[in-house]
Amino acid sequence: MIIWLMLLARSAASAQPPQLETGSFPAFWTTGGPDCRHVPDWQVHAYNPDFYILRQSGCTNYEKPFLYLIFGHGRALLVDTGASPANTAAFVGTLPARHGALPLVVAHSHGHADHVSGDAAFQKMEGVTFVPATAEAGQKAFSIPQWPEESGSIDLGGRVIDVIPIPGHQAAHVAYYDRRTGILLTGDHLYPGRLYVADFPAYLASTQRLVQFTATRPVAHILGCHIEQSATPYADYPAGTKYQPQEHTLELGRAHLLELLAGLEALHGTPARVRFRDFTIWPK
C-alpha cells in the first residue's frame, strides 16, 4: 500500500503543469474619450516586468488595437505596429530601458491595415529585425516546416515563443504562445468581439489546430488584438465606436476557444452569423 501511494504521488507530481510567470491586468483600458483632449495616444501596461501590453487610443483610430512587447534575455519581440496614424516606433522608444538596449524583432499577428500601419518607421530603424506580414516571411522567420499545418518558434534568449499559423481571418495570420506566462496571443482570430471569417474552411482548421496545440500546454490567458464586446453579455459596440466606457475584459480563456470550435463545427460547413456571450462568429 505504501509503495502504491508513493507511485501515485509521483505520478500526480509529474502531471503538474510547469510553473508559469504570473501578471496582472489594469482595472480598465483607455478607449477614446469622452474628451479626446485628455486621452494619450497610447496606454501601456506591464502584465509583468517582461511582458508589456500596449493599446492604441480610439482618439487616433477607432480600431483601438492591442500590441504586445515581450522581452527575453537576448532580444525583444513586438507583435504588430498599430493602426493609422501610428507613431508606434517613437512610442516604443520611450518605454523604460530596464532591459537595456536589446535588439528588437518586429512581427505581426496578420496583415490587415490596423496592425501594420507603423511598419515603415521600424523598417528604417537600426537594430530591428523586421518580419513582413506575409505567410512566406513568417514561415521563414519562425522556421515553420510546413504552412499552415506545422508550428515554428522564436527564441528571445531564455524565452521561447511558439508561432502557430492560423489563416482564415487573413492568409498570413499567426498566433503566439509564450511558454513563460502561458499566454496565447490570437490576434483577430479570437477576442471579445466580432470574429470576422474570410475563409471558413481555413478558419475552422486553424481553430482545430489551436485546440490541439493547447490540449497539452497550460493556457493562463488568451489575448486578442481588440475589444468590441461590451460588459453586457451578447452585446457589442458598433463598428467605428471610439469610446467604450463599459467594455468587456481583454482576457479570455481556453473555454472560449473550445466554445468557438463547437460553434464553428455546429454550422456544418455553412457560414452563418452566430452570437455567443463573449464574441460573435461573423462570416464576411
C-alpha atoms as a PDB file:
ATOM      1  CA  MET A   1       0.000   0.000   0.000  1.00  0.00           C
ATOM      2  CA  ILE A   2       2.811   2.422   0.878  1.00  0.00           C
ATOM      3  CA  ILE A   3       4.590   1.708  -2.413  1.00  0.00           C
ATOM      4  CA  TRP A   4       1.323   2.224  -4.321  1.00  0.00           C
ATOM      5  CA  LEU A   5       0.741   5.584  -2.617  1.00  0.00           C
ATOM      6  CA  MET A   6       4.302   6.672  -3.383  1.00  0.00           C
ATOM      7  CA  LEU A   7       3.855   5.791  -7.062  1.00  0.00           C
ATOM      8  CA  LEU A   8       0.527   7.617  -7.155  1.00  0.00           C
ATOM      9  CA  ALA A   9       2.069  10.735  -5.610  1.00  0.00           C
ATOM     10  CA  ARG A  10       4.970  10.613  -8.038  1.00  0.00           C
ATOM     11  CA  SER A  11       2.565  10.286 -10.971  1.00  0.00           C
ATOM     12  CA  ALA A  12       0.484  13.237  -9.738  1.00  0.00           C
ATOM     13  CA  ALA A  13       3.591  15.373  -9.307  1.00  0.00           C
ATOM     14  CA  SER A  14       4.787  14.600 -12.824  1.00  0.00           C
ATOM     15  CA  ALA A  15       1.375  15.612 -14.183  1.00  0.00           C
ATOM     16  CA  GLN A  16       1.581  19.102 -12.695  1.00  0.00           C
ATOM     17  CA  PRO A  17       1.906  21.888 -15.264  1.00  0.00           C
ATOM     18  CA  PRO A  18       5.109  23.925 -15.302  1.00  0.00           C
ATOM     19  CA  GLN A  19       5.264  26.962 -13.044  1.00  0.00           C
ATOM     20  CA  LEU A  20       4.154  29.998 -15.045  1.00  0.00           C
ATOM     21  CA  GLU A  21       5.145  33.600 -14.546  1.00  0.00           C
ATOM     22  CA  THR A  22       2.104  35.496 -13.327  1.00  0.00           C
ATOM     23  CA  GLY A  23       0.971  39.031 -14.019  1.00  0.00           C
ATOM     24  CA  SER A  24      -1.964  41.399 -13.759  1.00  0.00           C
ATOM     25  CA  PHE A  25      -4.310  43.460 -15.894  1.00  0.00           C
ATOM     26  CA  PRO A  26      -5.352  47.086 -15.335  1.00  0.00           C
ATOM     27  CA  ALA A  27      -8.674  47.968 -13.737  1.00  0.00           C
ATOM     28  CA  PHE A  28      -9.742  49.367 -17.110  1.00  0.00           C
ATOM     29  CA  TRP A  29      -8.358  50.060 -20.560  1.00  0.00           C
ATOM     30  CA  THR A  30      -8.390  53.530 -22.049  1.00  0.00           C
ATOM     31  CA  THR A  31     -10.558  53.683 -25.147  1.00  0.00           C
ATOM     32  CA  GLY A  32     -11.179  57.075 -26.726  1.00  0.00           C
ATOM     33  CA  GLY A  33     -12.877  59.687 -24.694  1.00  0.00           C
ATOM     34  CA  PRO A  34     -15.304  61.014 -23.797  1.00  0.00           C
ATOM     35  CA  ASP A  35     -12.984  64.010 -24.213  1.00  0.00           C
ATOM     36  CA  CYS A  36     -10.072  63.261 -26.531  1.00  0.00           C
ATOM     37  CA  ARG A  37      -8.161  66.295 -25.289  1.00  0.00           C
ATOM     38  CA  HIS A  38      -7.226  64.293 -22.207  1.00  0.00           C
ATOM     39  CA  VAL A  39      -6.568  60.881 -23.781  1.00  0.00           C
ATOM     40  CA  PRO A  40      -2.975  59.897 -24.649  1.00  0.00           C
ATOM     41  CA  ASP A  41      -2.285  58.150 -27.930  1.00  0.00           C
ATOM     42  CA  TRP A  42      -1.157  55.012 -26.114  1.00  0.00           C
ATOM     43  CA  GLN A  43      -1.838  53.152 -22.902  1.00  0.00           C
ATOM     44  CA  VAL A  44       0.937  50.825 -21.751  1.00  0.00           C
ATOM     45  CA  HIS A  45       0.543  48.205 -19.067  1.00  0.00           C
ATOM     46  CA  ALA A  46       3.185  45.838 -17.739  1.00  0.00           C
ATOM     47  CA  TYR A  47       1.476  42.481 -17.255  1.00  0.00           C
ATOM     48  CA  ASN A  48       4.764  41.703 -15.568  1.00  0.00           C
ATOM     49  CA  PRO A  49       8.223  43.275 -15.969  1.00  0.00           C
ATOM     50  CA  ASP A  50       8.943  41.315 -19.156  1.00  0.00           C
ATOM     51  CA  PHE A  51       5.533  41.321 -20.857  1.00  0.00           C
ATOM     52  CA  TYR A  52       4.037  44.654 -21.932  1.00  0.00           C
ATOM     53  CA  ILE A  53       0.567  45.271 -23.367  1.00  0.00           C
ATOM     54  CA  LEU A  54       0.094  48.418 -25.463  1.00  0.00           C
ATOM     55  CA  ARG A  55      -3.258  49.813 -26.551  1.00  0.00           C
ATOM     56  CA  GLN A  56      -3.700  52.478 -29.176  1.00  0.00           C
ATOM     57  CA  SER A  57      -6.298  55.120 -28.328  1.00  0.00           C
ATOM     58  CA  GLY A  58      -9.629  55.297 -30.107  1.00  0.00           C
ATOM     59  CA  CYS A  59      -8.930  59.001 -30.470  1.00  0.00           C
ATOM     60  CA  THR A  60      -6.278  58.114 -33.045  1.00  0.00           C
ATOM     61  CA  ASN A  61      -8.120  55.169 -34.644  1.00  0.00           C
ATOM     62  CA  TYR A  62     -11.454  53.598 -33.720  1.00  0.00           C
ATOM     63  CA  GLU A  63      -9.957  50.089 -34.069  1.00  0.00           C
ATOM     64  CA  LYS A  64      -8.067  50.630 -30.783  1.00  0.00           C
ATOM     65  CA  PRO A  65      -5.711  47.689 -31.403  1.00  0.00           C
ATOM     66  CA  PHE A  66      -3.636  45.957 -28.745  1.00  0.00           C
ATOM     67  CA  LEU A  67       0.072  45.333 -29.344  1.00  0.00           C
ATOM     68  CA  TYR A  68       2.387  43.095 -27.348  1.00  0.00           C
ATOM     69  CA  LEU A  69       6.033  43.624 -26.390  1.00  0.00           C
ATOM     70  CA  ILE A  70       7.799  40.597 -24.911  1.00  0.00           C
ATOM     71  CA  PHE A  71      11.348  40.624 -23.513  1.00  0.00           C
ATOM     72  CA  GLY A  72      13.845  37.788 -23.375  1.00  0.00           C
ATOM     73  CA  HIS A  73      17.458  37.892 -22.225  1.00  0.00           C
ATOM     74  CA  GLY A  74      18.811  38.431 -25.738  1.00  0.00           C
ATOM     75  CA  ARG A  75      16.135  40.314 -27.670  1.00  0.00           C
ATOM     76  CA  ALA A  76      12.568  41.565 -27.580  1.00  0.00           C
ATOM     77  CA  LEU A  77       9.554  40.780 -29.767  1.00  0.00           C
ATOM     78  CA  LEU A  78       6.919  43.339 -30.765  1.00  0.00           C
ATOM     79  CA  VAL A  79       3.723  41.878 -32.201  1.00  0.00           C
ATOM     80  CA  ASP A  80       2.034  44.364 -34.597  1.00  0.00           C
ATOM     81  CA  THR A  81       2.732  48.032 -35.251  1.00  0.00           C
ATOM     82  CA  GLY A  82      -0.704  49.654 -34.914  1.00  0.00           C
ATOM     83  CA  ALA A  83      -3.336  51.474 -36.927  1.00  0.00           C
ATOM     84  CA  SER A  84      -3.023  54.692 -38.941  1.00  0.00           C
ATOM     85  CA  PRO A  85      -1.842  57.207 -37.928  1.00  0.00           C
ATOM     86  CA  ALA A  86       0.615  55.177 -35.883  1.00  0.00           C
ATOM     87  CA  ASN A  87       3.612  56.655 -34.039  1.00  0.00           C
ATOM     88  CA  THR A  88       4.427  53.222 -32.653  1.00  0.00           C
ATOM     89  CA  ALA A  89       8.176  53.261 -33.220  1.00  0.00           C
ATOM     90  CA  ALA A  90       8.587  56.585 -31.418  1.00  0.00           C
ATOM     91  CA  PHE A  91       6.384  55.453 -28.552  1.00  0.00           C
ATOM     92  CA  VAL A  92       8.144  52.105 -28.086  1.00  0.00           C
ATOM     93  CA  GLY A  93      11.397  54.060 -27.895  1.00  0.00           C
ATOM     94  CA  THR A  94      10.088  55.907 -24.824  1.00  0.00           C
ATOM     95  CA  LEU A  95       9.388  52.781 -22.784  1.00  0.00           C
ATOM     96  CA  PRO A  96      11.593  52.110 -19.730  1.00  0.00           C
ATOM     97  CA  ALA A  97      15.056  50.859 -20.644  1.00  0.00           C
ATOM     98  CA  ARG A  98      15.324  48.448 -17.695  1.00  0.00           C
ATOM     99  CA  HIS A  99      16.103  45.670 -20.148  1.00  0.00           C
ATOM    100  CA  GLY A 100      18.954  47.541 -21.776  1.00  0.00           C
ATOM    101  CA  ALA A 101      19.325  48.137 -25.491  1.00  0.00           C
ATOM    102  CA  LEU A 102      18.083  44.751 -26.679  1.00  0.00           C
ATOM    103  CA  PRO A 103      17.744  44.004 -30.382  1.00  0.00           C
ATOM    104  CA  LEU A 104      14.089  44.168 -31.423  1.00  0.00           C
ATOM    105  CA  VAL A 105      12.168  41.749 -33.628  1.00  0.00           C
ATOM    106  CA  VAL A 106       9.049  43.319 -35.139  1.00  0.00           C
ATOM    107  CA  ALA A 107       6.481  40.795 -36.357  1.00  0.00           C
ATOM    108  CA  HIS A 108       2.713  40.695 -36.807  1.00  0.00           C
ATOM    109  CA  SER A 109      -0.425  38.808 -35.958  1.00  0.00           C
ATOM    110  CA  HIS A 110      -1.592  39.318 -39.566  1.00  0.00           C
ATOM    111  CA  GLY A 111      -1.510  41.750 -42.444  1.00  0.00           C
ATOM    112  CA  HIS A 112      -4.569  43.981 -42.083  1.00  0.00           C
ATOM    113  CA  ALA A 113      -4.003  47.741 -42.096  1.00  0.00           C
ATOM    114  CA  ASP A 114      -4.823  48.304 -38.426  1.00  0.00           C
ATOM    115  CA  HIS A 115      -1.916  46.027 -37.472  1.00  0.00           C
ATOM    116  CA  VAL A 116       0.802  47.103 -39.912  1.00  0.00           C
ATOM    117  CA  SER A 117       0.447  50.878 -40.276  1.00  0.00           C
ATOM    118  CA  GLY A 118       3.530  51.594 -38.176  1.00  0.00           C
ATOM    119  CA  ASP A 119       5.760  49.290 -40.210  1.00  0.00           C
ATOM    120  CA  ALA A 120       7.647  51.916 -42.214  1.00  0.00           C
ATOM    121  CA  ALA A 121       9.251  53.599 -39.202  1.00  0.00           C
ATOM    122  CA  PHE A 122      10.504  50.288 -37.815  1.00  0.00           C
ATOM    123  CA  GLN A 123      11.933  49.277 -41.179  1.00  0.00           C
ATOM    124  CA  LYS A 124      14.181  52.348 -41.032  1.00  0.00           C
ATOM    125  CA  MET A 125      15.500  51.652 -37.513  1.00  0.00           C
ATOM    126  CA  GLU A 126      18.883  50.128 -36.793  1.00  0.00           C
ATOM    127  CA  GLY A 127      18.942  47.033 -34.635  1.00  0.00           C
ATOM    128  CA  VAL A 128      15.479  45.934 -35.750  1.00  0.00           C
ATOM    129  CA  THR A 129      14.759  42.619 -37.424  1.00  0.00           C
ATOM    130  CA  PHE A 130      11.580  43.225 -39.386  1.00  0.00           C
ATOM    131  CA  VAL A 131       9.283  40.341 -40.378  1.00  0.00           C
ATOM    132  CA  PRO A 132       6.734  41.387 -43.027  1.00  0.00           C
ATOM    133  CA  ALA A 133       3.131  40.309 -42.526  1.00  0.00           C
ATOM    134  CA  THR A 134       3.141  37.594 -45.178  1.00  0.00           C
ATOM    135  CA  ALA A 135       2.887  33.836 -44.867  1.00  0.00           C
ATOM    136  CA  GLU A 136       6.188  33.385 -46.684  1.00  0.00           C
ATOM    137  CA  ALA A 137       8.071  35.771 -44.400  1.00  0.00           C
ATOM    138  CA  GLY A 138       6.546  34.268 -41.247  1.00  0.00           C
ATOM    139  CA  GLN A 139       7.326  30.729 -42.337  1.00  0.00           C
ATOM    140  CA  LYS A 140      10.970  31.645 -42.937  1.00  0.00           C
ATOM    141  CA  ALA A 141      11.476  33.812 -39.841  1.00  0.00           C
ATOM    142  CA  PHE A 142       9.949  31.325 -37.406  1.00  0.00           C
ATOM    143  CA  SER A 143      11.237  28.128 -39.080  1.00  0.00           C
ATOM    144  CA  ILE A 144       7.786  26.707 -39.758  1.00  0.00           C
ATOM    145  CA  PRO A 145       8.382  23.438 -41.678  1.00  0.00           C
ATOM    146  CA  GLN A 146       5.026  23.311 -43.443  1.00  0.00           C
ATOM    147  CA  TRP A 147       2.478  26.127 -43.637  1.00  0.00           C
ATOM    148  CA  PRO A 148      -0.088  26.115 -42.100  1.00  0.00           C
ATOM    149  CA  GLU A 149      -0.121  22.586 -40.688  1.00  0.00           C
ATOM    150  CA  GLU A 150       3.003  22.861 -38.524  1.00  0.00           C
ATOM    151  CA  SER A 151       4.253  25.359 -35.944  1.00  0.00           C
ATOM    152  CA  GLY A 152       7.520  27.218 -35.530  1.00  0.00           C
ATOM    153  CA  SER A 153       9.116  29.284 -32.795  1.00  0.00           C
ATOM    154  CA  ILE A 154      11.417  32.156 -31.902  1.00  0.00           C
ATOM    155  CA  ASP A 155      13.904  32.130 -29.025  1.00  0.00           C
ATOM    156  CA  LEU A 156      14.295  35.538 -27.379  1.00  0.00           C
ATOM    157  CA  GLY A 157      17.003  34.253 -25.053  1.00  0.00           C
ATOM    158  CA  GLY A 158      15.723  32.118 -22.210  1.00  0.00           C
ATOM    159  CA  ARG A 159      12.203  32.639 -23.556  1.00  0.00           C
ATOM    160  CA  VAL A 160      10.744  30.585 -26.388  1.00  0.00           C
ATOM    161  CA  ILE A 161       7.639  31.825 -28.190  1.00  0.00           C
ATOM    162  CA  ASP A 162       5.767  29.240 -30.261  1.00  0.00           C
ATOM    163  CA  VAL A 163       4.277  30.505 -33.531  1.00  0.00           C
ATOM    164  CA  ILE A 164       1.183  28.751 -34.879  1.00  0.00           C
ATOM    165  CA  PRO A 165      -0.196  29.535 -38.359  1.00  0.00           C
ATOM    166  CA  ILE A 166      -3.939  30.271 -38.170  1.00  0.00           C
ATOM    167  CA  PRO A 167      -5.172  31.571 -41.551  1.00  0.00           C
ATOM    168  CA  GLY A 168      -8.885  32.123 -42.010  1.00  0.00           C
ATOM    169  CA  HIS A 169      -9.346  35.693 -40.859  1.00  0.00           C
ATOM    170  CA  GLN A 170      -6.402  36.647 -43.076  1.00  0.00           C
ATOM    171  CA  ALA A 171      -3.996  34.472 -45.035  1.00  0.00           C
ATOM    172  CA  ALA A 172      -0.815  35.365 -43.074  1.00  0.00           C
ATOM    173  CA  HIS A 173      -2.384  35.123 -39.604  1.00  0.00           C
ATOM    174  CA  VAL A 174      -0.365  33.514 -36.797  1.00  0.00           C
ATOM    175  CA  ALA A 175      -0.836  33.014 -33.063  1.00  0.00           C
ATOM    176  CA  TYR A 176       1.963  33.340 -30.487  1.00  0.00           C
ATOM    177  CA  TYR A 177       2.279  31.199 -27.346  1.00  0.00           C
ATOM    178  CA  ASP A 178       4.592  32.436 -24.599  1.00  0.00           C
ATOM    179  CA  ARG A 179       5.837  29.433 -22.653  1.00  0.00           C
ATOM    180  CA  ARG A 180       6.879  31.516 -19.640  1.00  0.00           C
ATOM    181  CA  THR A 181       3.472  33.078 -18.951  1.00  0.00           C
ATOM    182  CA  GLY A 182       1.157  30.605 -20.672  1.00  0.00           C
ATOM    183  CA  ILE A 183      -0.364  33.488 -22.647  1.00  0.00           C
ATOM    184  CA  LEU A 184      -1.721  32.723 -26.109  1.00  0.00           C
ATOM    185  CA  LEU A 185      -1.918  35.723 -28.453  1.00  0.00           C
ATOM    186  CA  THR A 186      -4.654  35.098 -31.018  1.00  0.00           C
ATOM    187  CA  GLY A 187      -4.718  38.388 -32.935  1.00  0.00           C
ATOM    188  CA  ASP A 188      -8.060  38.816 -34.720  1.00  0.00           C
ATOM    189  CA  HIS A 189      -8.875  35.099 -34.665  1.00  0.00           C
ATOM    190  CA  LEU A 190     -10.354  35.131 -31.152  1.00  0.00           C
ATOM    191  CA  TYR A 191     -11.084  38.165 -28.976  1.00  0.00           C
ATOM    192  CA  PRO A 192     -14.155  39.654 -27.259  1.00  0.00           C
ATOM    193  CA  GLY A 193     -15.930  41.000 -30.321  1.00  0.00           C
ATOM    194  CA  ARG A 194     -16.850  40.284 -33.931  1.00  0.00           C
ATOM    195  CA  LEU A 195     -14.739  37.434 -35.285  1.00  0.00           C
ATOM    196  CA  TYR A 196     -14.609  38.178 -38.994  1.00  0.00           C
ATOM    197  CA  VAL A 197     -14.185  34.988 -41.008  1.00  0.00           C
ATOM    198  CA  ALA A 198     -12.905  35.429 -44.555  1.00  0.00           C
ATOM    199  CA  ASP A 199     -12.141  31.769 -45.360  1.00  0.00           C
ATOM    200  CA  PHE A 200     -14.441  29.478 -43.383  1.00  0.00           C
ATOM    201  CA  PRO A 201     -12.680  26.116 -44.009  1.00  0.00           C
ATOM    202  CA  ALA A 202      -9.288  27.630 -43.179  1.00  0.00           C
ATOM    203  CA  TYR A 203     -10.675  29.360 -40.066  1.00  0.00           C
ATOM    204  CA  LEU A 204     -12.214  26.111 -38.822  1.00  0.00           C
ATOM    205  CA  ALA A 205      -8.987  24.178 -39.446  1.00  0.00           C
ATOM    206  CA  SER A 206      -6.989  26.889 -37.648  1.00  0.00           C
ATOM    207  CA  THR A 207      -9.306  26.757 -34.642  1.00  0.00           C
ATOM    208  CA  GLN A 208      -8.946  22.981 -34.531  1.00  0.00           C
ATOM    209  CA  ARG A 209      -5.180  23.413 -34.674  1.00  0.00           C
ATOM    210  CA  LEU A 210      -5.244  25.866 -31.736  1.00  0.00           C
ATOM    211  CA  VAL A 211      -7.386  23.494 -29.679  1.00  0.00           C
ATOM    212  CA  GLN A 212      -4.975  20.659 -30.382  1.00  0.00           C
ATOM    213  CA  PHE A 213      -1.943  22.830 -29.589  1.00  0.00           C
ATOM    214  CA  THR A 214      -3.361  23.975 -26.249  1.00  0.00           C
ATOM    215  CA  ALA A 215      -4.506  20.493 -25.210  1.00  0.00           C
ATOM    216  CA  THR A 216      -1.013  19.715 -23.911  1.00  0.00           C
ATOM    217  CA  ARG A 217       0.030  23.182 -22.726  1.00  0.00           C
ATOM    218  CA  PRO A 218      -1.160  25.405 -19.870  1.00  0.00           C
ATOM    219  CA  VAL A 219      -3.113  28.454 -21.035  1.00  0.00           C
ATOM    220  CA  ALA A 220      -3.266  31.231 -18.467  1.00  0.00           C
ATOM    221  CA  HIS A 221      -4.970  33.748 -20.765  1.00  0.00           C
ATOM    222  CA  ILE A 222      -5.977  34.184 -24.382  1.00  0.00           C
ATOM    223  CA  LEU A 223      -5.376  37.764 -25.548  1.00  0.00           C
ATOM    224  CA  GLY A 224      -6.564  39.128 -28.874  1.00  0.00           C
ATOM    225  CA  CYS A 225      -5.994  42.446 -30.626  1.00  0.00           C
ATOM    226  CA  HIS A 226      -9.327  44.183 -29.998  1.00  0.00           C
ATOM    227  CA  ILE A 227     -12.240  44.591 -27.604  1.00  0.00           C
ATOM    228  CA  GLU A 228     -15.559  45.176 -29.353  1.00  0.00           C
ATOM    229  CA  GLN A 229     -17.824  43.393 -26.885  1.00  0.00           C
ATOM    230  CA  SER A 230     -19.480  45.321 -24.087  1.00  0.00           C
ATOM    231  CA  ALA A 231     -19.626  44.154 -20.491  1.00  0.00           C
ATOM    232  CA  THR A 232     -23.229  43.168 -21.183  1.00  0.00           C
ATOM    233  CA  PRO A 233     -23.412  39.583 -22.485  1.00  0.00           C
ATOM    234  CA  TYR A 234     -24.236  39.200 -26.194  1.00  0.00           C
ATOM    235  CA  ALA A 235     -23.934  42.967 -26.814  1.00  0.00           C
ATOM    236  CA  ASP A 236     -21.136  44.661 -28.748  1.00  0.00           C
ATOM    237  CA  TYR A 237     -20.206  48.220 -29.597  1.00  0.00           C
ATOM    238  CA  PRO A 238     -20.972  49.174 -33.223  1.00  0.00           C
ATOM    239  CA  ALA A 239     -18.087  49.350 -35.675  1.00  0.00           C
ATOM    240  CA  GLY A 240     -16.481  52.789 -35.552  1.00  0.00           C
ATOM    241  CA  THR A 241     -17.055  53.308 -31.815  1.00  0.00           C
ATOM    242  CA  LYS A 242     -14.205  55.289 -30.231  1.00  0.00           C
ATOM    243  CA  TYR A 243     -15.395  55.444 -26.630  1.00  0.00           C
ATOM    244  CA  GLN A 244     -16.319  52.196 -24.863  1.00  0.00           C
ATOM    245  CA  PRO A 245     -16.832  53.029 -21.193  1.00  0.00           C
ATOM    246  CA  GLN A 246     -18.297  49.636 -20.274  1.00  0.00           C
ATOM    247  CA  GLU A 247     -16.333  47.196 -22.382  1.00  0.00           C
ATOM    248  CA  HIS A 248     -15.549  43.516 -21.927  1.00  0.00           C
ATOM    249  CA  THR A 249     -12.249  42.434 -20.387  1.00  0.00           C
ATOM    250  CA  LEU A 250      -9.394  41.791 -22.785  1.00  0.00           C
ATOM    251  CA  GLU A 251      -8.525  38.365 -21.437  1.00  0.00           C
ATOM    252  CA  LEU A 252     -10.351  35.199 -22.460  1.00  0.00           C
ATOM    253  CA  GLY A 253      -9.635  31.560 -21.558  1.00  0.00           C
ATOM    254  CA  ARG A 254      -9.313  28.203 -23.269  1.00  0.00           C
ATOM    255  CA  ALA A 255     -13.008  27.565 -22.616  1.00  0.00           C
ATOM    256  CA  HIS A 256     -13.754  30.349 -25.118  1.00  0.00           C
ATOM    257  CA  LEU A 257     -11.559  28.619 -27.695  1.00  0.00           C
ATOM    258  CA  LEU A 258     -13.476  25.378 -27.168  1.00  0.00           C
ATOM    259  CA  GLU A 259     -16.758  27.284 -27.424  1.00  0.00           C
ATOM    260  CA  LEU A 260     -15.624  28.838 -30.691  1.00  0.00           C
ATOM    261  CA  LEU A 261     -14.707  25.450 -32.142  1.00  0.00           C
ATOM    262  CA  ALA A 262     -18.024  23.922 -31.101  1.00  0.00           C
ATOM    263  CA  GLY A 263     -19.883  26.854 -32.672  1.00  0.00           C
ATOM    264  CA  LEU A 264     -17.991  26.532 -35.950  1.00  0.00           C
ATOM    265  CA  GLU A 265     -18.468  22.777 -36.143  1.00  0.00           C
ATOM    266  CA  ALA A 266     -22.203  23.155 -35.448  1.00  0.00           C
ATOM    267  CA  LEU A 267     -22.520  25.141 -38.678  1.00  0.00           C
ATOM    268  CA  HIS A 268     -21.590  22.008 -40.679  1.00  0.00           C
ATOM    269  CA  GLY A 269     -19.658  23.948 -43.288  1.00  0.00           C
ATOM    270  CA  THR A 270     -22.308  26.619 -43.918  1.00  0.00           C
ATOM    271  CA  PRO A 271     -21.025  30.003 -42.668  1.00  0.00           C
ATOM    272  CA  ALA A 272     -23.537  31.956 -40.582  1.00  0.00           C
ATOM    273  CA  ARG A 273     -23.513  34.741 -38.034  1.00  0.00           C
ATOM    274  CA  VAL A 274     -23.814  33.291 -34.525  1.00  0.00           C
ATOM    275  CA  ARG A 275     -23.750  35.300 -31.292  1.00  0.00           C
ATOM    276  CA  PHE A 276     -22.208  33.928 -28.143  1.00  0.00           C
ATOM    277  CA  ARG A 277     -21.946  35.518 -24.739  1.00  0.00           C
ATOM    278  CA  ASP A 278     -18.443  36.945 -25.293  1.00  0.00           C
ATOM    279  CA  PHE A 279     -17.974  37.014 -29.086  1.00  0.00           C
ATOM    280  CA  THR A 280     -19.767  36.635 -32.412  1.00  0.00           C
ATOM    281  CA  ILE A 281     -18.848  34.419 -35.360  1.00  0.00           C
ATOM    282  CA  TRP A 282     -19.141  36.877 -38.245  1.00  0.00           C
ATOM    283  CA  PRO A 283     -18.541  35.482 -41.772  1.00  0.00           C
ATOM    284  CA  LYS A 284     -17.582  38.051 -44.411  1.00  0.00           C
END
